[in-house]
């Protein structure tokens, strides 16, 4: 029987995995930020224009911070959003990679490393998360929920961006930025 005052901790295995993920994210973000105009040589696919590479690099850097902060948490209730987000991102990125494999530098070390990482990360995350959820303890109620105005703002943002992102994911050729370089699948 679990005592109601034992808080579910972040498991050591999940914490280690988040640190590994953090190191990988740091490498990707530095590659994209330092070599924005050389992604044909230093990234898994050619990103054009260079501003797009910088934007992607900034996103990976932000995720790097997010995962590191989650790895430092003691209680699962304070860390759960980062690994769940990482699982969703890596799963969708693997899907996008496989759909557009012809655009990747699969003959390069970086391209092959990209494929290996994104093929391994989702299943490892699922195993780590299942073990985390099976860890004994309780998740206390949040003491400081988001302000109502912020929840509404985030809800509206989700209502706009989720369908837009899904549409671009499923039919990238419809993007106004795509031009003639995109081909329908």
N, C-alpha and C. Protein backbone atom coordinates (compact mmCIF):
# COMPACT_ATOMS: atom_id res chain seq x y z
N UNK A 1 0.84 -1.18 0.00
CA UNK A 1 0.00 0.00 0.00
C UNK A 1 0.88 1.24 0.00
N UNK A 2 0.52 2.23 -0.80
CA UNK A 2 1.32 3.45 -0.94
C UNK A 2 0.82 4.48 0.04
N UNK A 3 1.72 5.04 0.79
CA UNK A 3 1.36 6.12 1.71
C UNK A 3 1.01 7.36 0.91
N UNK A 4 0.01 8.10 1.36
CA UNK A 4 -0.43 9.28 0.61
C UNK A 4 0.56 10.43 0.71
N UNK A 5 1.55 10.34 1.58
CA UNK A 5 2.51 11.43 1.65
C UNK A 5 3.84 11.11 0.97
N UNK A 6 3.89 10.02 0.20
CA UNK A 6 5.08 9.71 -0.58
C UNK A 6 4.84 10.25 -2.00
N UNK A 7 5.61 11.25 -2.37
CA UNK A 7 5.44 11.88 -3.67
C UNK A 7 6.20 11.09 -4.72
N UNK A 8 5.57 10.90 -5.89
CA UNK A 8 6.21 10.15 -6.97
C UNK A 8 7.43 10.93 -7.46
N UNK A 9 8.63 10.34 -7.36
CA UNK A 9 9.83 11.03 -7.82
C UNK A 9 10.07 10.81 -9.32
N UNK A 10 10.93 11.61 -9.90
CA UNK A 10 11.41 11.36 -11.25
C UNK A 10 12.42 10.21 -11.11
N UNK A 11 12.25 9.15 -11.88
CA UNK A 11 13.15 8.00 -11.76
C UNK A 11 14.55 8.37 -12.26
N UNK A 12 15.53 7.67 -11.73
CA UNK A 12 16.90 7.90 -12.14
C UNK A 12 17.11 7.60 -13.62
N UNK A 13 16.45 6.55 -14.13
CA UNK A 13 16.59 6.18 -15.54
C UNK A 13 16.03 7.27 -16.45
N UNK A 14 14.89 7.84 -16.08
CA UNK A 14 14.32 8.92 -16.89
C UNK A 14 15.20 10.16 -16.81
N UNK A 15 15.72 10.44 -15.64
CA UNK A 15 16.61 11.60 -15.47
C UNK A 15 17.86 11.46 -16.35
N UNK A 16 18.45 10.27 -16.37
CA UNK A 16 19.63 10.04 -17.21
C UNK A 16 19.26 10.20 -18.68
N UNK A 17 18.11 9.65 -19.08
CA UNK A 17 17.68 9.78 -20.48
C UNK A 17 17.48 11.24 -20.85
N UNK A 18 16.89 12.04 -19.96
CA UNK A 18 16.69 13.45 -20.25
C UNK A 18 18.03 14.18 -20.40
N UNK A 19 19.03 13.78 -19.66
CA UNK A 19 20.36 14.39 -19.81
C UNK A 19 20.97 13.99 -21.16
N UNK A 20 20.79 12.73 -21.56
CA UNK A 20 21.27 12.29 -22.88
C UNK A 20 20.56 13.08 -23.98
N UNK A 21 19.25 13.19 -23.87
CA UNK A 21 18.46 13.96 -24.83
C UNK A 21 18.96 15.39 -24.87
N UNK A 22 19.26 15.93 -23.71
CA UNK A 22 19.77 17.30 -23.63
C UNK A 22 21.07 17.46 -24.39
N UNK A 23 21.96 16.52 -24.26
CA UNK A 23 23.25 16.59 -24.97
C UNK A 23 23.03 16.53 -26.49
N UNK A 24 22.13 15.66 -26.93
CA UNK A 24 21.82 15.57 -28.36
C UNK A 24 21.19 16.87 -28.87
N UNK A 25 20.27 17.42 -28.10
CA UNK A 25 19.64 18.68 -28.49
C UNK A 25 20.66 19.81 -28.57
N UNK A 26 21.57 19.82 -27.64
CA UNK A 26 22.62 20.85 -27.65
C UNK A 26 23.46 20.74 -28.92
N UNK A 27 23.82 19.51 -29.30
CA UNK A 27 24.60 19.32 -30.52
C UNK A 27 23.86 19.78 -31.77
N UNK A 28 22.58 19.43 -31.86
CA UNK A 28 21.78 19.85 -33.02
C UNK A 28 21.63 21.36 -33.05
N UNK A 29 21.33 21.96 -31.89
CA UNK A 29 21.13 23.41 -31.87
C UNK A 29 22.42 24.15 -32.22
N UNK A 30 23.55 23.70 -31.71
CA UNK A 30 24.81 24.37 -32.04
C UNK A 30 25.15 24.21 -33.52
N UNK A 31 24.88 23.03 -34.07
CA UNK A 31 25.12 22.82 -35.49
C UNK A 31 24.29 23.78 -36.34
N UNK A 32 23.03 23.91 -36.00
CA UNK A 32 22.14 24.78 -36.78
C UNK A 32 22.44 26.26 -36.58
N UNK A 33 22.84 26.63 -35.38
CA UNK A 33 23.11 28.04 -35.10
C UNK A 33 24.49 28.48 -35.61
N UNK A 34 25.46 27.59 -35.55
CA UNK A 34 26.82 27.95 -35.97
C UNK A 34 27.04 27.83 -37.47
N UNK A 35 26.31 26.93 -38.10
CA UNK A 35 26.52 26.67 -39.53
C UNK A 35 25.22 26.85 -40.32
N UNK A 36 24.56 27.98 -40.11
CA UNK A 36 23.26 28.21 -40.75
C UNK A 36 23.33 28.15 -42.27
N UNK A 37 24.46 28.55 -42.82
CA UNK A 37 24.58 28.55 -44.28
C UNK A 37 25.34 27.34 -44.81
N UNK A 38 25.60 26.35 -43.95
CA UNK A 38 26.33 25.15 -44.37
C UNK A 38 25.61 23.88 -43.93
N UNK A 39 24.30 23.93 -43.89
CA UNK A 39 23.56 22.75 -43.44
C UNK A 39 23.69 21.59 -44.42
N UNK A 40 24.06 21.87 -45.65
CA UNK A 40 24.29 20.79 -46.60
C UNK A 40 25.47 19.92 -46.17
N UNK A 41 26.38 20.47 -45.36
CA UNK A 41 27.55 19.72 -44.90
C UNK A 41 27.44 19.30 -43.44
N UNK A 42 26.76 20.12 -42.60
CA UNK A 42 26.79 19.90 -41.16
C UNK A 42 25.44 19.61 -40.53
N UNK A 43 24.49 19.17 -41.35
CA UNK A 43 23.19 18.82 -40.79
C UNK A 43 22.62 17.64 -41.56
N UNK A 44 21.52 17.10 -41.07
CA UNK A 44 20.95 15.89 -41.66
C UNK A 44 20.25 16.15 -42.99
N UNK A 45 19.87 17.38 -43.26
CA UNK A 45 19.30 17.76 -44.54
C UNK A 45 19.63 19.22 -44.79
N UNK A 46 19.52 19.64 -46.03
CA UNK A 46 19.84 21.02 -46.37
C UNK A 46 18.67 21.92 -45.99
N UNK A 47 18.93 22.89 -45.15
CA UNK A 47 17.92 23.82 -44.69
C UNK A 47 18.15 25.15 -45.39
N UNK A 48 17.12 25.64 -46.05
CA UNK A 48 17.25 26.89 -46.78
C UNK A 48 15.96 27.67 -46.61
N UNK A 49 16.07 28.95 -46.36
CA UNK A 49 17.23 29.82 -46.24
C UNK A 49 17.90 29.66 -44.87
N UNK A 50 19.09 30.25 -44.71
CA UNK A 50 19.82 30.13 -43.45
C UNK A 50 19.03 30.62 -42.22
N UNK A 51 18.14 31.59 -42.41
CA UNK A 51 17.32 32.06 -41.30
C UNK A 51 16.44 30.93 -40.75
N UNK A 52 15.99 30.05 -41.63
CA UNK A 52 15.20 28.89 -41.19
C UNK A 52 16.05 27.96 -40.33
N UNK A 53 17.31 27.77 -40.71
CA UNK A 53 18.22 26.95 -39.91
C UNK A 53 18.42 27.57 -38.53
N UNK A 54 18.58 28.88 -38.48
CA UNK A 54 18.74 29.57 -37.20
C UNK A 54 17.48 29.41 -36.34
N UNK A 55 16.31 29.51 -36.97
CA UNK A 55 15.05 29.35 -36.25
C UNK A 55 14.94 27.94 -35.68
N UNK A 56 15.27 26.94 -36.49
CA UNK A 56 15.26 25.55 -36.00
C UNK A 56 16.26 25.37 -34.86
N UNK A 57 17.44 25.95 -35.02
CA UNK A 57 18.46 25.85 -33.97
C UNK A 57 17.99 26.47 -32.67
N UNK A 58 17.30 27.60 -32.76
CA UNK A 58 16.77 28.24 -31.56
C UNK A 58 15.71 27.37 -30.90
N UNK A 59 14.90 26.71 -31.72
CA UNK A 59 13.89 25.80 -31.17
C UNK A 59 14.52 24.62 -30.45
N UNK A 60 15.56 24.05 -31.05
CA UNK A 60 16.27 22.94 -30.40
C UNK A 60 16.96 23.43 -29.11
N UNK A 61 17.49 24.64 -29.12
CA UNK A 61 18.14 25.19 -27.92
C UNK A 61 17.12 25.39 -26.81
N UNK A 62 15.94 25.88 -27.15
CA UNK A 62 14.89 26.06 -26.14
C UNK A 62 14.47 24.71 -25.56
N UNK A 63 14.35 23.71 -26.41
CA UNK A 63 14.00 22.38 -25.93
C UNK A 63 15.10 21.81 -25.04
N UNK A 64 16.33 22.14 -25.38
CA UNK A 64 17.48 21.71 -24.58
C UNK A 64 17.34 22.22 -23.14
N UNK A 65 17.01 23.48 -23.00
CA UNK A 65 16.82 24.07 -21.67
C UNK A 65 15.65 23.41 -20.96
N UNK A 66 14.56 23.21 -21.69
CA UNK A 66 13.35 22.61 -21.13
C UNK A 66 13.63 21.21 -20.59
N UNK A 67 14.35 20.38 -21.36
CA UNK A 67 14.65 19.02 -20.93
C UNK A 67 15.61 19.01 -19.74
N UNK A 68 16.57 19.93 -19.74
CA UNK A 68 17.51 20.01 -18.62
C UNK A 68 16.80 20.41 -17.34
N UNK A 69 15.89 21.37 -17.44
CA UNK A 69 15.12 21.77 -16.25
C UNK A 69 14.27 20.61 -15.74
N UNK A 70 13.69 19.83 -16.64
CA UNK A 70 12.90 18.67 -16.23
C UNK A 70 13.78 17.63 -15.55
N UNK A 71 14.97 17.41 -16.07
CA UNK A 71 15.89 16.42 -15.48
C UNK A 71 16.30 16.81 -14.06
N UNK A 72 16.25 18.08 -13.76
CA UNK A 72 16.65 18.55 -12.42
C UNK A 72 15.52 18.46 -11.39
N UNK A 73 14.31 18.22 -11.85
CA UNK A 73 13.17 18.17 -10.93
C UNK A 73 13.21 16.89 -10.08
N UNK A 74 12.74 17.00 -8.87
CA UNK A 74 12.67 15.85 -7.98
C UNK A 74 11.33 15.13 -8.11
N UNK A 75 10.25 15.92 -8.28
CA UNK A 75 8.90 15.35 -8.33
C UNK A 75 8.44 15.22 -9.78
N UNK A 76 7.82 14.09 -10.09
CA UNK A 76 7.31 13.82 -11.43
C UNK A 76 6.30 14.87 -11.86
N UNK A 77 5.47 15.33 -10.97
CA UNK A 77 4.44 16.31 -11.30
C UNK A 77 5.05 17.60 -11.87
N UNK A 78 6.30 17.88 -11.51
CA UNK A 78 6.96 19.10 -12.00
C UNK A 78 7.76 18.86 -13.28
N UNK A 79 7.88 17.62 -13.70
CA UNK A 79 8.74 17.31 -14.85
C UNK A 79 7.99 16.69 -16.03
N UNK A 80 6.78 16.23 -15.85
CA UNK A 80 6.12 15.37 -16.82
C UNK A 80 5.94 15.98 -18.21
N UNK A 81 5.74 17.26 -18.30
CA UNK A 81 5.43 17.86 -19.60
C UNK A 81 6.62 17.77 -20.57
N UNK A 82 7.84 17.86 -20.07
CA UNK A 82 9.01 17.83 -20.95
C UNK A 82 9.20 16.47 -21.63
N UNK A 83 9.21 15.36 -20.90
CA UNK A 83 9.37 14.08 -21.60
C UNK A 83 8.18 13.72 -22.49
N UNK A 84 6.97 14.11 -22.09
CA UNK A 84 5.81 13.85 -22.94
C UNK A 84 5.95 14.65 -24.24
N UNK A 85 6.35 15.91 -24.13
CA UNK A 85 6.57 16.74 -25.32
C UNK A 85 7.68 16.17 -26.19
N UNK A 86 8.74 15.67 -25.56
CA UNK A 86 9.85 15.08 -26.31
C UNK A 86 9.39 13.83 -27.06
N UNK A 87 8.55 13.02 -26.43
CA UNK A 87 8.03 11.83 -27.10
C UNK A 87 7.19 12.22 -28.32
N UNK A 88 6.33 13.18 -28.15
CA UNK A 88 5.49 13.63 -29.26
C UNK A 88 6.35 14.19 -30.40
N UNK A 89 7.33 15.03 -30.05
CA UNK A 89 8.19 15.64 -31.05
C UNK A 89 9.02 14.59 -31.79
N UNK A 90 9.65 13.68 -31.04
CA UNK A 90 10.51 12.70 -31.70
C UNK A 90 9.70 11.73 -32.57
N UNK A 91 8.51 11.38 -32.12
CA UNK A 91 7.66 10.51 -32.92
C UNK A 91 7.24 11.18 -34.23
N UNK A 92 6.81 12.43 -34.15
CA UNK A 92 6.41 13.15 -35.36
C UNK A 92 7.61 13.43 -36.26
N UNK A 93 8.76 13.72 -35.66
CA UNK A 93 9.96 13.96 -36.46
C UNK A 93 10.40 12.69 -37.17
N UNK A 94 10.30 11.56 -36.51
CA UNK A 94 10.61 10.29 -37.18
C UNK A 94 9.67 10.07 -38.36
N UNK A 95 8.39 10.32 -38.15
CA UNK A 95 7.42 10.17 -39.24
C UNK A 95 7.75 11.10 -40.40
N UNK A 96 8.03 12.36 -40.11
CA UNK A 96 8.39 13.32 -41.17
C UNK A 96 9.67 12.89 -41.87
N UNK A 97 10.62 12.38 -41.13
CA UNK A 97 11.88 11.92 -41.72
C UNK A 97 11.63 10.78 -42.70
N UNK A 98 10.82 9.82 -42.28
CA UNK A 98 10.55 8.67 -43.14
C UNK A 98 9.75 9.07 -44.38
N UNK A 99 8.83 10.01 -44.23
CA UNK A 99 8.04 10.48 -45.37
C UNK A 99 8.94 11.20 -46.38
N UNK A 100 9.89 11.96 -45.88
CA UNK A 100 10.75 12.78 -46.75
C UNK A 100 12.20 12.28 -46.76
N UNK A 101 12.38 10.99 -46.66
CA UNK A 101 13.72 10.41 -46.59
C UNK A 101 14.59 10.81 -47.78
N UNK A 102 13.98 11.05 -48.92
CA UNK A 102 14.74 11.42 -50.11
C UNK A 102 15.42 12.78 -49.97
N UNK A 103 15.04 13.58 -49.01
CA UNK A 103 15.64 14.90 -48.80
C UNK A 103 16.77 14.89 -47.77
N UNK A 104 16.97 13.75 -47.15
CA UNK A 104 17.99 13.65 -46.10
C UNK A 104 19.32 13.20 -46.69
N UNK A 105 20.37 13.60 -46.01
CA UNK A 105 21.72 13.20 -46.40
C UNK A 105 22.01 11.83 -45.78
N UNK A 106 21.33 10.80 -46.27
CA UNK A 106 21.44 9.48 -45.67
C UNK A 106 22.80 8.83 -45.90
N UNK A 107 23.59 9.36 -46.81
CA UNK A 107 24.92 8.81 -47.04
C UNK A 107 25.99 9.47 -46.18
N UNK A 108 25.59 10.47 -45.40
CA UNK A 108 26.56 11.14 -44.53
C UNK A 108 26.45 10.59 -43.11
N UNK A 109 27.50 10.80 -42.33
CA UNK A 109 27.48 10.37 -40.93
C UNK A 109 26.36 11.07 -40.17
N UNK A 110 26.20 12.36 -40.38
CA UNK A 110 25.18 13.13 -39.66
C UNK A 110 23.78 12.65 -40.05
N UNK A 111 23.56 12.38 -41.33
CA UNK A 111 22.27 11.87 -41.77
C UNK A 111 21.95 10.52 -41.16
N UNK A 112 22.93 9.64 -41.10
CA UNK A 112 22.72 8.32 -40.50
C UNK A 112 22.51 8.43 -39.00
N UNK A 113 23.27 9.32 -38.36
CA UNK A 113 23.09 9.54 -36.92
C UNK A 113 21.69 10.05 -36.63
N UNK A 114 21.20 10.97 -37.46
CA UNK A 114 19.84 11.50 -37.32
C UNK A 114 18.82 10.35 -37.35
N UNK A 115 18.96 9.47 -38.35
CA UNK A 115 18.03 8.34 -38.49
C UNK A 115 18.09 7.42 -37.27
N UNK A 116 19.27 7.12 -36.81
CA UNK A 116 19.43 6.23 -35.65
C UNK A 116 18.80 6.86 -34.41
N UNK A 117 19.10 8.12 -34.17
CA UNK A 117 18.58 8.79 -32.97
C UNK A 117 17.06 8.83 -33.00
N UNK A 118 16.49 9.23 -34.13
CA UNK A 118 15.04 9.36 -34.19
C UNK A 118 14.33 8.01 -34.30
N UNK A 119 15.04 6.95 -34.65
CA UNK A 119 14.44 5.61 -34.62
C UNK A 119 14.48 5.04 -33.20
N UNK A 120 15.50 5.41 -32.43
CA UNK A 120 15.66 4.87 -31.07
C UNK A 120 14.89 5.69 -30.04
N UNK A 121 14.86 6.99 -30.17
CA UNK A 121 14.31 7.86 -29.13
C UNK A 121 12.84 7.57 -28.77
N UNK A 122 11.92 7.47 -29.73
CA UNK A 122 10.53 7.24 -29.32
C UNK A 122 10.30 5.96 -28.52
N UNK A 123 10.83 4.80 -28.96
CA UNK A 123 10.59 3.61 -28.14
C UNK A 123 11.25 3.69 -26.76
N UNK A 124 12.44 4.28 -26.69
CA UNK A 124 13.09 4.43 -25.38
C UNK A 124 12.25 5.33 -24.48
N UNK A 125 11.71 6.41 -25.04
CA UNK A 125 10.86 7.31 -24.26
C UNK A 125 9.61 6.59 -23.76
N UNK A 126 9.00 5.77 -24.60
CA UNK A 126 7.81 5.04 -24.17
C UNK A 126 8.13 4.13 -22.99
N UNK A 127 9.23 3.38 -23.09
CA UNK A 127 9.63 2.48 -22.00
C UNK A 127 9.92 3.28 -20.73
N UNK A 128 10.66 4.36 -20.85
CA UNK A 128 10.99 5.18 -19.68
C UNK A 128 9.73 5.77 -19.05
N UNK A 129 8.80 6.22 -19.88
CA UNK A 129 7.58 6.83 -19.34
C UNK A 129 6.68 5.79 -18.68
N UNK A 130 6.57 4.60 -19.26
CA UNK A 130 5.77 3.55 -18.63
C UNK A 130 6.35 3.20 -17.27
N UNK A 131 7.66 3.06 -17.21
CA UNK A 131 8.30 2.76 -15.91
C UNK A 131 8.12 3.91 -14.93
N UNK A 132 8.16 5.13 -15.45
CA UNK A 132 7.96 6.30 -14.59
C UNK A 132 6.55 6.28 -14.00
N UNK A 133 5.54 6.02 -14.83
CA UNK A 133 4.16 6.00 -14.34
C UNK A 133 3.90 4.87 -13.36
N UNK A 134 4.71 3.80 -13.45
CA UNK A 134 4.56 2.68 -12.52
C UNK A 134 5.29 2.91 -11.20
N UNK A 135 6.05 3.98 -11.12
CA UNK A 135 6.78 4.29 -9.89
C UNK A 135 5.79 4.60 -8.77
N UNK A 136 6.06 4.03 -7.61
CA UNK A 136 5.17 4.25 -6.47
C UNK A 136 5.20 5.69 -6.02
N UNK A 137 4.05 6.14 -5.55
CA UNK A 137 3.93 7.49 -5.02
C UNK A 137 2.69 8.17 -5.58
N UNK A 138 2.43 9.34 -5.07
CA UNK A 138 1.28 10.11 -5.53
C UNK A 138 1.77 11.41 -6.16
N UNK A 139 0.94 11.95 -7.02
CA UNK A 139 1.23 13.24 -7.63
C UNK A 139 0.36 14.27 -6.94
N UNK A 140 0.97 15.14 -6.15
CA UNK A 140 0.16 16.14 -5.43
C UNK A 140 -0.51 17.11 -6.41
N UNK A 141 -1.57 17.74 -5.93
CA UNK A 141 -2.24 18.75 -6.73
C UNK A 141 -1.30 19.92 -6.97
N UNK A 142 -1.51 20.56 -8.11
CA UNK A 142 -0.72 21.76 -8.39
C UNK A 142 -1.11 22.84 -7.40
N UNK A 143 -0.11 23.55 -6.92
CA UNK A 143 -0.40 24.61 -5.95
C UNK A 143 -0.59 25.96 -6.62
N UNK A 144 -0.05 26.11 -7.83
CA UNK A 144 -0.18 27.38 -8.54
C UNK A 144 -0.58 27.11 -9.99
N UNK A 145 -1.87 26.88 -10.25
CA UNK A 145 -2.29 26.65 -11.63
C UNK A 145 -2.11 27.92 -12.46
N UNK A 146 -2.09 27.73 -13.77
CA UNK A 146 -1.96 28.88 -14.67
C UNK A 146 -3.15 29.82 -14.49
N UNK A 147 -2.88 31.10 -14.66
CA UNK A 147 -3.95 32.09 -14.58
C UNK A 147 -4.98 31.82 -15.67
N UNK A 148 -6.23 32.13 -15.39
CA UNK A 148 -7.31 31.88 -16.35
C UNK A 148 -7.04 32.54 -17.69
N UNK A 149 -6.57 33.79 -17.70
CA UNK A 149 -6.32 34.50 -18.95
C UNK A 149 -5.26 33.79 -19.78
N UNK A 150 -4.25 33.21 -19.09
CA UNK A 150 -3.18 32.52 -19.81
C UNK A 150 -3.68 31.20 -20.37
N UNK A 151 -4.53 30.49 -19.63
CA UNK A 151 -5.11 29.24 -20.13
C UNK A 151 -5.96 29.51 -21.37
N UNK A 152 -6.73 30.60 -21.34
CA UNK A 152 -7.55 30.95 -22.51
C UNK A 152 -6.66 31.29 -23.69
N UNK A 153 -5.62 32.10 -23.46
CA UNK A 153 -4.70 32.47 -24.53
C UNK A 153 -4.02 31.24 -25.14
N UNK A 154 -3.56 30.34 -24.30
CA UNK A 154 -2.91 29.12 -24.79
C UNK A 154 -3.91 28.22 -25.51
N UNK A 155 -5.14 28.18 -25.05
CA UNK A 155 -6.17 27.40 -25.71
C UNK A 155 -6.47 27.92 -27.11
N UNK A 156 -6.58 29.25 -27.24
CA UNK A 156 -6.81 29.85 -28.56
C UNK A 156 -5.61 29.58 -29.46
N UNK A 157 -4.41 29.72 -28.93
CA UNK A 157 -3.20 29.44 -29.71
C UNK A 157 -3.23 27.99 -30.20
N UNK A 158 -3.59 27.05 -29.35
CA UNK A 158 -3.65 25.65 -29.74
C UNK A 158 -4.72 25.41 -30.81
N UNK A 159 -5.87 26.09 -30.68
CA UNK A 159 -6.93 25.94 -31.67
C UNK A 159 -6.50 26.41 -33.05
N UNK A 160 -5.60 27.37 -33.10
CA UNK A 160 -5.12 27.89 -34.39
C UNK A 160 -3.93 27.06 -34.89
N UNK A 161 -2.95 26.82 -34.02
CA UNK A 161 -1.70 26.23 -34.47
C UNK A 161 -1.75 24.72 -34.69
N UNK A 162 -2.55 24.00 -33.94
CA UNK A 162 -2.60 22.55 -34.13
C UNK A 162 -3.16 22.19 -35.51
N UNK A 163 -4.30 22.75 -35.92
CA UNK A 163 -4.76 22.45 -37.29
C UNK A 163 -3.80 22.96 -38.37
N UNK A 164 -3.22 24.14 -38.15
CA UNK A 164 -2.27 24.67 -39.15
C UNK A 164 -1.05 23.76 -39.26
N UNK A 165 -0.51 23.35 -38.13
CA UNK A 165 0.65 22.45 -38.13
C UNK A 165 0.32 21.10 -38.73
N UNK A 166 -0.85 20.56 -38.40
CA UNK A 166 -1.25 19.27 -38.96
C UNK A 166 -1.41 19.38 -40.48
N UNK A 167 -1.99 20.48 -40.93
CA UNK A 167 -2.15 20.68 -42.37
C UNK A 167 -0.82 20.77 -43.08
N UNK A 168 0.13 21.51 -42.52
CA UNK A 168 1.45 21.62 -43.14
C UNK A 168 2.22 20.31 -43.08
N UNK A 169 1.99 19.54 -42.02
CA UNK A 169 2.65 18.25 -41.89
C UNK A 169 2.12 17.27 -42.93
N UNK A 170 0.80 17.27 -43.09
CA UNK A 170 0.18 16.31 -44.00
C UNK A 170 0.25 16.73 -45.47
N UNK A 171 0.27 18.04 -45.73
CA UNK A 171 0.27 18.53 -47.12
C UNK A 171 1.22 19.72 -47.24
N UNK A 172 2.53 19.49 -47.12
CA UNK A 172 3.48 20.62 -47.16
C UNK A 172 3.47 21.37 -48.48
N UNK A 173 3.05 20.73 -49.55
CA UNK A 173 3.03 21.40 -50.84
C UNK A 173 2.02 22.55 -50.87
N UNK A 174 1.11 22.61 -49.91
CA UNK A 174 0.12 23.69 -49.87
C UNK A 174 0.64 24.93 -49.15
N UNK A 175 1.83 24.83 -48.56
CA UNK A 175 2.41 25.96 -47.86
C UNK A 175 2.73 27.09 -48.82
N UNK A 176 2.39 28.35 -48.46
CA UNK A 176 2.75 29.47 -49.33
C UNK A 176 4.27 29.63 -49.46
N UNK A 177 5.04 29.11 -48.52
CA UNK A 177 6.49 29.21 -48.55
C UNK A 177 7.11 28.12 -49.41
N UNK A 178 6.33 27.16 -49.80
CA UNK A 178 6.86 25.98 -50.48
C UNK A 178 7.37 26.29 -51.88
N UNK A 179 6.66 27.11 -52.60
CA UNK A 179 7.08 27.42 -53.97
C UNK A 179 7.05 26.18 -54.83
N UNK A 180 7.93 26.13 -55.80
CA UNK A 180 7.96 24.99 -56.74
C UNK A 180 8.83 23.85 -56.25
N UNK A 181 9.49 24.03 -55.08
CA UNK A 181 10.42 23.01 -54.61
C UNK A 181 9.77 21.85 -53.89
N UNK A 182 8.49 21.97 -53.58
CA UNK A 182 7.81 20.91 -52.85
C UNK A 182 7.01 20.06 -53.82
N UNK A 183 7.01 18.80 -53.54
CA UNK A 183 6.24 17.89 -54.40
C UNK A 183 5.20 17.18 -53.55
N UNK A 184 4.00 16.99 -54.07
CA UNK A 184 2.99 16.30 -53.30
C UNK A 184 3.35 14.83 -53.12
N UNK A 185 2.91 14.26 -52.05
CA UNK A 185 3.17 12.84 -51.73
C UNK A 185 1.96 12.04 -52.05
